[in-house]
Amino acid sequence: MAEQNSGTSMLLRGTAILAASVTAVLYLLGLLLAGLAVSEVGSGTNSTPMHHCVYASDAPADAQVETHVVRYLPVHVLCRTTDDRMFNSQVVPSWLNPALAVSFAATVGCAGAAFVQAERRAAARQAG
């Protein structure tokens, strides 16, 4: 029975580490995409305002884009118009933030389960 608990604990820890790695990679991908889009602003002809904002599919029809705002949690770049309306620039893919949330939840869940499993094994060793 102890070896089965040990295997379960190892599986939970490994899964938590994998989920944490996926979370880190997804977050860094979002930061990279946002950073690359923002780095284009101010360099070159017709670069201000950000072309992702000017040509966004959900931009208001009569909007004059003034600036952009980067948000880090969830990762996205918002565009602000001259009349203070905001819309998503779609620099970060729409699937990235939900995938980030799921992988983070999996990390927390597996790490918590591994901790509980380790506590149970320690209590069983002391009792037995």
Protein backbone atom coordinates (compact mmCIF):
# COMPACT_ATOMS: atom_id res chain seq x y z
CA MET A 1 0.00 0.00 0.00
CA ALA A 2 2.86 2.37 0.80
CA GLU A 3 4.37 1.85 -2.65
CA GLN A 4 1.05 2.68 -4.31
CA ASN A 5 0.82 5.91 -2.29
CA SER A 6 4.41 6.72 -3.22
CA GLY A 7 3.62 6.23 -6.92
CA THR A 8 0.51 8.41 -6.64
CA SER A 9 2.49 11.10 -4.86
CA MET A 10 5.20 11.03 -7.54
CA LEU A 11 2.56 11.24 -10.28
CA LEU A 12 0.88 14.21 -8.59
CA ARG A 13 4.18 16.02 -8.11
CA GLY A 14 5.22 15.35 -11.70
CA THR A 15 1.88 16.56 -13.02
CA ALA A 16 2.11 19.71 -10.87
CA ILE A 17 5.59 20.43 -12.22
CA LEU A 18 4.41 19.86 -15.80
CA ALA A 19 1.38 22.11 -15.31
CA ALA A 20 3.57 24.81 -13.74
CA SER A 21 5.92 24.62 -16.71
CA VAL A 22 3.03 24.93 -19.18
CA THR A 23 1.72 27.91 -17.19
CA ALA A 24 5.11 29.62 -17.32
CA VAL A 25 5.52 28.98 -21.06
CA LEU A 26 2.02 30.29 -21.86
CA TYR A 27 2.52 33.41 -19.76
CA LEU A 28 5.90 34.11 -21.36
CA LEU A 29 4.36 33.59 -24.82
CA GLY A 30 1.69 36.17 -24.02
CA LEU A 31 4.29 38.62 -22.74
CA LEU A 32 6.42 38.05 -25.83
CA LEU A 33 3.52 38.68 -28.20
CA ALA A 34 2.45 41.82 -26.33
CA GLY A 35 6.05 43.03 -26.08
CA LEU A 36 6.73 42.55 -29.77
CA ALA A 37 3.58 44.44 -30.73
CA VAL A 38 4.38 47.32 -28.40
CA SER A 39 8.02 47.47 -29.52
CA GLU A 40 6.85 48.25 -33.07
CA VAL A 41 5.18 51.45 -31.85
CA GLY A 42 7.35 54.47 -32.39
CA SER A 43 9.67 52.86 -34.91
CA GLY A 44 8.99 53.47 -38.54
CA THR A 45 6.54 55.34 -40.69
CA ASN A 46 2.89 55.19 -39.67
CA SER A 47 3.68 53.25 -36.49
CA THR A 48 1.73 55.43 -34.06
CA PRO A 49 -0.94 54.53 -33.09
CA MET A 50 -0.25 50.80 -33.02
CA HIS A 51 -1.37 49.23 -36.30
CA HIS A 52 -2.93 46.31 -34.36
CA CYS A 53 -5.31 48.87 -32.86
CA VAL A 54 -6.07 50.68 -36.09
CA TYR A 55 -6.84 47.49 -38.02
CA ALA A 56 -8.46 45.43 -35.23
CA SER A 57 -11.62 43.63 -36.33
CA ASP A 58 -13.62 44.71 -33.28
CA ALA A 59 -12.58 48.36 -33.43
CA PRO A 60 -15.50 50.80 -33.41
CA ALA A 61 -16.24 52.00 -36.93
CA ASP A 62 -15.84 55.71 -36.23
CA ALA A 63 -13.03 55.36 -33.70
CA GLN A 64 -9.86 57.42 -33.73
CA VAL A 65 -7.27 55.34 -31.88
CA GLU A 66 -5.21 57.43 -29.52
CA THR A 67 -3.05 55.03 -27.52
CA HIS A 68 -2.75 51.51 -26.14
CA VAL A 69 -2.57 49.97 -22.67
CA VAL A 70 -0.80 46.70 -21.84
CA ARG A 71 -2.35 44.52 -19.13
CA TYR A 72 -0.30 41.72 -17.65
CA LEU A 73 -2.98 39.63 -15.95
CA PRO A 74 -4.75 38.54 -18.10
CA VAL A 75 -2.23 39.29 -20.81
CA HIS A 76 -3.67 41.59 -23.47
CA VAL A 77 -3.21 44.92 -25.19
CA LEU A 78 -6.15 47.32 -25.07
CA CYS A 79 -6.58 50.18 -27.49
CA ARG A 80 -8.00 53.50 -26.30
CA THR A 81 -9.86 55.86 -28.60
CA THR A 82 -10.00 59.64 -28.35
CA ASP A 83 -13.44 59.42 -26.72
CA ASP A 84 -12.10 56.99 -24.02
CA ARG A 85 -13.59 53.81 -25.43
CA MET A 86 -11.41 50.72 -25.11
CA PHE A 87 -11.25 47.56 -27.20
CA ASN A 88 -8.98 44.54 -27.49
CA SER A 89 -6.22 44.76 -30.09
CA GLN A 90 -6.18 40.95 -30.53
CA VAL A 91 -2.39 40.86 -30.30
CA VAL A 92 -2.64 37.96 -27.84
CA PRO A 93 -4.64 35.01 -29.23
CA SER A 94 -8.06 34.52 -27.64
CA TRP A 95 -7.22 30.97 -26.49
CA LEU A 96 -4.10 31.95 -24.52
CA ASN A 97 -5.65 33.43 -21.36
CA PRO A 98 -8.18 30.60 -20.84
CA ALA A 99 -5.41 28.03 -21.37
CA LEU A 100 -3.28 29.96 -18.89
CA ALA A 101 -6.08 29.87 -16.32
CA VAL A 102 -6.66 26.13 -16.78
CA SER A 103 -2.97 25.29 -16.49
CA PHE A 104 -2.64 27.46 -13.39
CA ALA A 105 -5.66 25.76 -11.80
CA ALA A 106 -4.15 22.37 -12.63
CA THR A 107 -0.88 23.44 -11.03
CA VAL A 108 -2.60 24.52 -7.82
CA GLY A 109 -4.84 21.43 -7.72
CA CYS A 110 -2.06 18.92 -8.32
CA ALA A 111 0.33 20.65 -5.93
CA GLY A 112 -2.37 20.71 -3.25
CA ALA A 113 -3.21 17.05 -3.81
CA ALA A 114 0.49 16.12 -3.66
CA PHE A 115 0.84 18.02 -0.39
CA VAL A 116 -2.19 16.24 1.13
CA GLN A 117 -0.85 12.89 -0.07
CA ALA A 118 2.55 13.58 1.50
CA GLU A 119 0.92 14.60 4.78
CA ARG A 120 -1.11 11.38 4.84
CA ARG A 121 1.99 9.29 4.18
CA ALA A 122 3.86 11.06 6.98
CA ALA A 123 0.95 10.53 9.40
CA ALA A 124 0.74 6.84 8.43
CA ARG A 125 4.48 6.40 9.05
CA GLN A 126 4.23 7.97 12.49
CA ALA A 127 1.17 5.91 13.40
CA GLY A 128 2.49 2.62 12.09
